Amino acid sequence: MGLLERESEIVRVLAEAATVDDATQEILAALAAWGRWDLALLWVPDEVLGLLRCGPSWSSGDPALVEFQNVSSRLTFARDV
């Protein structure tokens, strides 16, 4: 799949998604497929608390990766760490 096809896929996902979170999940899955990754995590800044949190994520379903997702979802990192 070329760059234009990938861009079109992202635009389609954004246009069809009901929410930003829904779009993010699909985009992470697409990025993982294109990169042949088994896991994709999006780390999101929490501007109010000055922390970095694990946001939406995608995995291939491997139990070890699912556990990694679960642990990551509970982690936060302070600014400048």
Protein backbone atom coordinates (compact mmCIF):
# COMPACT_ATOMS: atom_id res chain seq x y z
CA MET A 1 0.00 0.00 0.00
CA GLY A 2 1.39 3.35 -1.02
CA LEU A 3 1.40 6.62 0.86
CA LEU A 4 -1.68 7.98 -0.95
CA GLU A 5 -3.67 4.83 -0.15
CA ARG A 6 -2.64 5.06 3.49
CA GLU A 7 -3.58 8.73 3.62
CA SER A 8 -6.96 7.93 2.05
CA GLU A 9 -7.53 5.20 4.64
CA ILE A 10 -6.83 7.64 7.49
CA VAL A 11 -9.18 10.23 5.96
CA ARG A 12 -11.90 7.58 5.56
CA VAL A 13 -11.53 6.49 9.20
CA LEU A 14 -11.74 10.10 10.41
CA ALA A 15 -14.80 10.79 8.27
CA GLU A 16 -16.68 7.65 9.36
CA ALA A 17 -15.82 7.54 13.05
CA ALA A 18 -18.46 8.55 15.57
CA THR A 19 -15.86 9.86 18.02
CA VAL A 20 -12.19 10.82 18.08
CA ASP A 21 -11.52 7.80 20.33
CA ASP A 22 -13.12 5.47 17.77
CA ALA A 23 -11.00 7.01 15.01
CA THR A 24 -7.85 6.73 17.11
CA GLN A 25 -8.42 3.03 17.72
CA GLU A 26 -8.81 2.36 14.00
CA ILE A 27 -5.84 4.54 13.06
CA LEU A 28 -3.61 2.73 15.57
CA ALA A 29 -4.73 -0.60 14.11
CA ALA A 30 -3.97 0.63 10.58
CA LEU A 31 -0.54 1.96 11.60
CA ALA A 32 0.25 -1.34 13.27
CA ALA A 33 -0.77 -3.27 10.16
CA TRP A 34 1.32 -1.05 7.88
CA GLY A 35 4.35 -1.28 10.17
CA ARG A 36 3.79 -4.98 10.92
CA TRP A 37 3.63 -4.13 14.63
CA ASP A 38 1.96 -6.28 17.26
CA LEU A 39 1.28 -3.31 19.53
CA ALA A 40 0.55 0.39 19.16
CA LEU A 41 0.16 2.77 22.12
CA LEU A 42 -0.66 6.47 22.04
CA TRP A 43 0.76 8.44 24.95
CA VAL A 44 -1.24 11.58 25.66
CA PRO A 45 -0.25 14.60 27.74
CA ASP A 46 -2.53 15.52 30.63
CA GLU A 47 -2.02 19.27 30.62
CA VAL A 48 -3.97 19.84 33.84
CA LEU A 49 -1.87 17.47 35.95
CA GLY A 50 1.34 17.81 33.94
CA LEU A 51 1.51 14.06 33.28
CA LEU A 52 1.87 11.73 30.34
CA ARG A 53 -0.76 8.98 30.21
CA CYS A 54 -1.24 5.97 28.00
CA GLY A 55 -4.27 6.69 25.86
CA PRO A 56 -5.84 4.53 23.20
CA SER A 57 -3.97 1.42 22.18
CA TRP A 58 -4.20 -1.59 19.89
CA SER A 59 -2.66 -5.06 20.07
CA SER A 60 -2.76 -8.25 18.06
CA GLY A 61 -4.46 -9.95 21.00
CA ASP A 62 -1.41 -11.83 22.25
CA PRO A 63 -2.02 -12.34 26.01
CA ALA A 64 1.37 -10.88 26.94
CA LEU A 65 0.67 -7.76 24.89
CA VAL A 66 -2.81 -7.40 26.36
CA GLU A 67 -1.24 -7.52 29.83
CA PHE A 68 1.32 -4.92 28.72
CA GLN A 69 -1.55 -2.71 27.52
CA ASN A 70 -3.31 -3.11 30.85
CA VAL A 71 -0.20 -2.21 32.84
CA SER A 72 0.60 0.70 30.53
CA SER A 73 -2.92 2.09 30.90
CA ARG A 74 -2.29 2.53 34.63
CA LEU A 75 1.07 4.29 34.25
CA THR A 76 1.71 8.02 34.30
CA PHE A 77 4.94 9.90 33.86
CA ALA A 78 5.74 13.30 35.29
CA ARG A 79 6.80 16.10 32.99
CA ASP A 80 10.52 16.10 32.05
CA VAL A 81 11.06 12.47 33.08
